[in-house]
Amino acid sequence: MSKTILPFSSLLNEKVYATGQVKSFPAGSVILNMESYIRTIPIVVSGSIRVMREDEEGQELLLYYIRPGESCILSVLEGMSRQRSKIKAVVEEDAEIIM
């Protein structure tokens, strides 16, 4: 895969690609389930991710989409506090993600 330039400084781009792992996911892949521990922070290179919560009846509540060059703020916050995830993340369009 050629390195897509993310909207960061060139030095940060180099560090992200040097330390992260690029993975491909087909649409429909669940990359984070509720109650899972967050071990990586996703940065979307291509495609998109749908981030949602579930209410008491199990209905999905859309929170936001993560698009190329973006990451998931809830993953950052919950990962830093070492809490179980309160969100679910599903690949909306085939995606390449730096983990």
N, C-alpha and C. Protein backbone atom coordinates (compact mmCIF):
# COMPACT_ATOMS: atom_id res chain seq x y z
N MET A 1 0.83 -1.17 0.00
CA MET A 1 0.00 0.00 0.00
C MET A 1 0.88 1.24 0.00
N SER A 2 0.57 2.20 -0.86
CA SER A 2 1.32 3.45 -0.84
C SER A 2 0.82 4.27 0.35
N LYS A 3 1.70 5.03 0.92
CA LYS A 3 1.35 5.82 2.09
C LYS A 3 0.51 7.03 1.68
N THR A 4 -0.72 7.01 2.09
CA THR A 4 -1.60 8.15 1.88
C THR A 4 -1.19 9.23 2.87
N ILE A 5 -1.12 10.44 2.40
CA ILE A 5 -0.77 11.54 3.29
C ILE A 5 -1.99 11.91 4.13
N LEU A 6 -1.83 11.79 5.42
CA LEU A 6 -2.89 12.19 6.35
C LEU A 6 -2.74 13.68 6.62
N PRO A 7 -3.78 14.33 7.13
CA PRO A 7 -3.71 15.78 7.33
C PRO A 7 -2.89 16.17 8.57
N PHE A 8 -1.68 15.62 8.66
CA PHE A 8 -0.77 15.90 9.75
C PHE A 8 0.52 16.45 9.16
N SER A 9 1.41 16.90 10.02
CA SER A 9 2.73 17.32 9.54
C SER A 9 3.44 16.10 8.96
N SER A 10 4.43 16.32 8.11
CA SER A 10 5.13 15.20 7.48
C SER A 10 5.82 14.33 8.52
N LEU A 11 6.36 14.94 9.58
CA LEU A 11 7.02 14.16 10.63
C LEU A 11 6.02 13.28 11.36
N LEU A 12 4.85 13.81 11.66
CA LEU A 12 3.81 13.02 12.32
C LEU A 12 3.32 11.90 11.41
N ASN A 13 3.17 12.19 10.11
CA ASN A 13 2.80 11.15 9.15
C ASN A 13 3.79 10.01 9.18
N GLU A 14 5.08 10.33 9.17
CA GLU A 14 6.12 9.30 9.20
C GLU A 14 6.01 8.46 10.47
N LYS A 15 5.81 9.11 11.61
CA LYS A 15 5.70 8.39 12.89
C LYS A 15 4.47 7.49 12.92
N VAL A 16 3.35 7.99 12.42
CA VAL A 16 2.12 7.20 12.41
C VAL A 16 2.32 5.94 11.59
N TYR A 17 2.88 6.07 10.39
CA TYR A 17 3.09 4.90 9.53
C TYR A 17 4.17 3.98 10.08
N ALA A 18 5.19 4.55 10.76
CA ALA A 18 6.27 3.72 11.29
C ALA A 18 5.84 2.90 12.50
N THR A 19 4.95 3.45 13.30
CA THR A 19 4.57 2.76 14.54
C THR A 19 3.21 2.08 14.46
N GLY A 20 2.36 2.52 13.54
CA GLY A 20 1.03 1.93 13.41
C GLY A 20 1.04 0.72 12.49
N GLN A 21 -0.05 0.02 12.49
CA GLN A 21 -0.22 -1.14 11.62
C GLN A 21 -1.43 -0.88 10.73
N VAL A 22 -1.22 -0.92 9.41
CA VAL A 22 -2.29 -0.67 8.46
C VAL A 22 -3.06 -1.97 8.24
N LYS A 23 -4.38 -1.90 8.43
CA LYS A 23 -5.23 -3.07 8.23
C LYS A 23 -6.37 -2.71 7.29
N SER A 24 -6.81 -3.69 6.52
CA SER A 24 -7.95 -3.51 5.62
C SER A 24 -9.15 -4.25 6.18
N PHE A 25 -10.32 -3.62 6.10
CA PHE A 25 -11.55 -4.19 6.61
C PHE A 25 -12.65 -4.04 5.56
N PRO A 26 -13.39 -5.11 5.27
CA PRO A 26 -14.53 -4.97 4.36
C PRO A 26 -15.71 -4.32 5.08
N ALA A 27 -16.61 -3.73 4.29
CA ALA A 27 -17.83 -3.14 4.86
C ALA A 27 -18.55 -4.17 5.71
N GLY A 28 -19.09 -3.73 6.82
CA GLY A 28 -19.82 -4.62 7.73
C GLY A 28 -18.97 -5.18 8.86
N SER A 29 -17.65 -5.04 8.77
CA SER A 29 -16.77 -5.56 9.83
C SER A 29 -16.96 -4.75 11.11
N VAL A 30 -17.08 -5.46 12.22
CA VAL A 30 -17.15 -4.80 13.52
C VAL A 30 -15.72 -4.69 14.03
N ILE A 31 -15.25 -3.47 14.21
CA ILE A 31 -13.87 -3.31 14.68
C ILE A 31 -13.80 -3.02 16.18
N LEU A 32 -14.95 -2.69 16.77
CA LEU A 32 -15.01 -2.51 18.22
C LEU A 32 -16.42 -2.82 18.69
N ASN A 33 -16.52 -3.70 19.66
CA ASN A 33 -17.82 -4.04 20.25
C ASN A 33 -17.97 -3.35 21.59
N MET A 34 -19.22 -3.15 21.99
CA MET A 34 -19.48 -2.61 23.31
C MET A 34 -18.93 -3.59 24.35
N GLU A 35 -18.43 -3.03 25.45
CA GLU A 35 -17.87 -3.79 26.57
C GLU A 35 -16.48 -4.38 26.29
N SER A 36 -15.91 -4.09 25.11
CA SER A 36 -14.54 -4.54 24.80
C SER A 36 -13.56 -3.53 25.38
N TYR A 37 -12.34 -3.99 25.66
CA TYR A 37 -11.29 -3.06 26.04
C TYR A 37 -10.68 -2.49 24.77
N ILE A 38 -10.39 -1.20 24.80
CA ILE A 38 -9.80 -0.53 23.65
C ILE A 38 -8.29 -0.64 23.74
N ARG A 39 -7.70 -1.29 22.73
CA ARG A 39 -6.27 -1.52 22.73
C ARG A 39 -5.54 -0.69 21.67
N THR A 40 -6.29 -0.17 20.70
CA THR A 40 -5.69 0.66 19.65
C THR A 40 -6.62 1.83 19.33
N ILE A 41 -6.03 2.85 18.76
CA ILE A 41 -6.79 4.02 18.31
C ILE A 41 -6.78 3.99 16.79
N PRO A 42 -7.96 3.92 16.15
CA PRO A 42 -7.99 3.86 14.69
C PRO A 42 -7.83 5.23 14.05
N ILE A 43 -7.05 5.28 12.97
CA ILE A 43 -6.99 6.46 12.11
C ILE A 43 -7.40 5.97 10.73
N VAL A 44 -8.48 6.49 10.20
CA VAL A 44 -9.00 6.04 8.91
C VAL A 44 -8.16 6.63 7.77
N VAL A 45 -7.67 5.74 6.91
CA VAL A 45 -6.92 6.15 5.72
C VAL A 45 -7.88 6.26 4.54
N SER A 46 -8.77 5.27 4.40
CA SER A 46 -9.78 5.30 3.34
C SER A 46 -11.03 4.59 3.85
N GLY A 47 -12.18 4.90 3.24
CA GLY A 47 -13.44 4.31 3.68
C GLY A 47 -14.04 5.10 4.82
N SER A 48 -14.93 4.48 5.57
CA SER A 48 -15.55 5.16 6.72
C SER A 48 -16.01 4.14 7.76
N ILE A 49 -16.13 4.63 8.99
CA ILE A 49 -16.57 3.82 10.13
C ILE A 49 -17.76 4.50 10.76
N ARG A 50 -18.77 3.72 11.09
CA ARG A 50 -19.97 4.21 11.79
C ARG A 50 -19.79 3.91 13.28
N VAL A 51 -19.93 4.93 14.11
CA VAL A 51 -19.79 4.77 15.56
C VAL A 51 -21.16 4.96 16.19
N MET A 52 -21.55 4.00 17.04
CA MET A 52 -22.89 4.04 17.62
C MET A 52 -22.90 3.51 19.04
N ARG A 53 -24.01 3.74 19.71
CA ARG A 53 -24.30 3.17 21.02
C ARG A 53 -25.59 2.40 20.90
N GLU A 54 -25.88 1.57 21.87
CA GLU A 54 -27.16 0.88 21.91
C GLU A 54 -27.92 1.34 23.14
N ASP A 55 -29.25 1.55 22.98
CA ASP A 55 -30.07 1.92 24.13
C ASP A 55 -30.49 0.67 24.89
N GLU A 56 -31.31 0.84 25.90
CA GLU A 56 -31.73 -0.28 26.75
C GLU A 56 -32.47 -1.36 25.98
N GLU A 57 -33.16 -0.98 24.90
CA GLU A 57 -33.90 -1.96 24.10
C GLU A 57 -33.06 -2.58 22.98
N GLY A 58 -31.78 -2.21 22.91
CA GLY A 58 -30.92 -2.77 21.88
C GLY A 58 -30.96 -2.02 20.55
N GLN A 59 -31.67 -0.89 20.52
CA GLN A 59 -31.72 -0.07 19.30
C GLN A 59 -30.41 0.71 19.16
N GLU A 60 -29.91 0.77 17.92
CA GLU A 60 -28.67 1.50 17.68
C GLU A 60 -28.93 2.99 17.59
N LEU A 61 -28.04 3.78 18.20
CA LEU A 61 -28.10 5.22 18.15
C LEU A 61 -26.81 5.70 17.49
N LEU A 62 -26.92 6.26 16.29
CA LEU A 62 -25.75 6.73 15.56
C LEU A 62 -25.15 7.93 16.27
N LEU A 63 -23.85 7.88 16.51
CA LEU A 63 -23.15 9.01 17.12
C LEU A 63 -22.44 9.85 16.06
N TYR A 64 -21.63 9.19 15.22
CA TYR A 64 -20.93 9.90 14.17
C TYR A 64 -20.24 8.92 13.23
N TYR A 65 -19.70 9.45 12.15
CA TYR A 65 -18.90 8.68 11.20
C TYR A 65 -17.45 9.13 11.31
N ILE A 66 -16.52 8.21 11.11
CA ILE A 66 -15.10 8.55 11.05
C ILE A 66 -14.70 8.39 9.59
N ARG A 67 -14.14 9.44 9.02
CA ARG A 67 -13.76 9.46 7.61
C ARG A 67 -12.25 9.58 7.47
N PRO A 68 -11.71 9.48 6.25
CA PRO A 68 -10.25 9.55 6.06
C PRO A 68 -9.61 10.76 6.75
N GLY A 69 -8.52 10.46 7.45
CA GLY A 69 -7.78 11.49 8.18
C GLY A 69 -8.32 11.73 9.57
N GLU A 70 -9.40 11.03 9.96
CA GLU A 70 -10.01 11.23 11.27
C GLU A 70 -9.80 10.01 12.16
N SER A 71 -10.01 10.24 13.46
CA SER A 71 -9.93 9.17 14.44
C SER A 71 -11.17 9.23 15.32
N CYS A 72 -11.22 8.37 16.30
CA CYS A 72 -12.40 8.26 17.17
C CYS A 72 -12.08 8.82 18.55
N ILE A 73 -12.67 9.97 18.88
CA ILE A 73 -12.40 10.60 20.17
C ILE A 73 -12.84 9.72 21.34
N LEU A 74 -13.92 8.97 21.18
CA LEU A 74 -14.36 8.10 22.28
C LEU A 74 -13.37 6.97 22.51
N SER A 75 -12.73 6.48 21.46
CA SER A 75 -11.70 5.45 21.62
C SER A 75 -10.52 6.01 22.40
N VAL A 76 -10.16 7.25 22.09
CA VAL A 76 -9.05 7.89 22.80
C VAL A 76 -9.41 8.04 24.29
N LEU A 77 -10.57 8.61 24.57
CA LEU A 77 -10.96 8.86 25.96
C LEU A 77 -11.13 7.58 26.75
N GLU A 78 -11.83 6.61 26.19
CA GLU A 78 -12.06 5.35 26.92
C GLU A 78 -10.78 4.53 27.02
N GLY A 79 -9.94 4.60 26.00
CA GLY A 79 -8.66 3.89 26.04
C GLY A 79 -7.74 4.45 27.11
N MET A 80 -7.71 5.77 27.23
CA MET A 80 -6.85 6.41 28.24
C MET A 80 -7.32 6.09 29.66
N SER A 81 -8.62 5.97 29.84
CA SER A 81 -9.14 5.70 31.18
C SER A 81 -9.23 4.20 31.47
N ARG A 82 -8.86 3.39 30.47
CA ARG A 82 -8.84 1.92 30.60
C ARG A 82 -10.21 1.37 31.00
N GLN A 83 -11.25 1.98 30.43
CA GLN A 83 -12.61 1.51 30.66
C GLN A 83 -13.03 0.62 29.50
N ARG A 84 -14.05 -0.17 29.74
CA ARG A 84 -14.64 -0.95 28.65
C ARG A 84 -15.40 0.01 27.73
N SER A 85 -15.43 -0.34 26.47
CA SER A 85 -16.07 0.50 25.47
C SER A 85 -17.57 0.64 25.70
N LYS A 86 -18.05 1.83 25.49
CA LYS A 86 -19.49 2.10 25.55
C LYS A 86 -20.04 2.32 24.15
N ILE A 87 -19.21 2.05 23.15
CA ILE A 87 -19.59 2.26 21.76
C ILE A 87 -19.34 1.00 20.94
N LYS A 88 -19.89 1.00 19.75
CA LYS A 88 -19.66 -0.04 18.77
C LYS A 88 -19.21 0.67 17.50
N ALA A 89 -18.20 0.12 16.82
CA ALA A 89 -17.70 0.72 15.59
C ALA A 89 -17.76 -0.32 14.48
N VAL A 90 -18.45 0.04 13.38
CA VAL A 90 -18.67 -0.86 12.26
C VAL A 90 -18.18 -0.17 10.98
N VAL A 91 -17.46 -0.91 10.15
CA VAL A 91 -16.98 -0.36 8.88
C VAL A 91 -18.18 -0.16 7.97
N GLU A 92 -18.38 1.08 7.54
CA GLU A 92 -19.50 1.44 6.67
C GLU A 92 -19.13 1.20 5.21
N GLU A 93 -17.94 1.64 4.79
CA GLU A 93 -17.41 1.43 3.44
C GLU A 93 -16.06 0.75 3.61
N ASP A 94 -15.71 -0.21 2.72
CA ASP A 94 -14.42 -0.87 2.80
C ASP A 94 -13.38 0.16 3.25
N ALA A 95 -12.54 -0.23 4.22
CA ALA A 95 -11.65 0.75 4.83
C ALA A 95 -10.25 0.22 5.03
N GLU A 96 -9.30 1.13 4.95
CA GLU A 96 -7.93 0.91 5.41
C GLU A 96 -7.77 1.79 6.63
N ILE A 97 -7.28 1.18 7.70
CA ILE A 97 -7.19 1.87 8.98
C ILE A 97 -5.82 1.64 9.57
N ILE A 98 -5.22 2.70 10.08
CA ILE A 98 -3.97 2.56 10.82
C ILE A 98 -4.35 2.36 12.27
N MET A 99 -3.87 1.27 12.84
CA MET A 99 -4.17 0.96 14.24
C MET A 99 -2.94 1.24 15.08
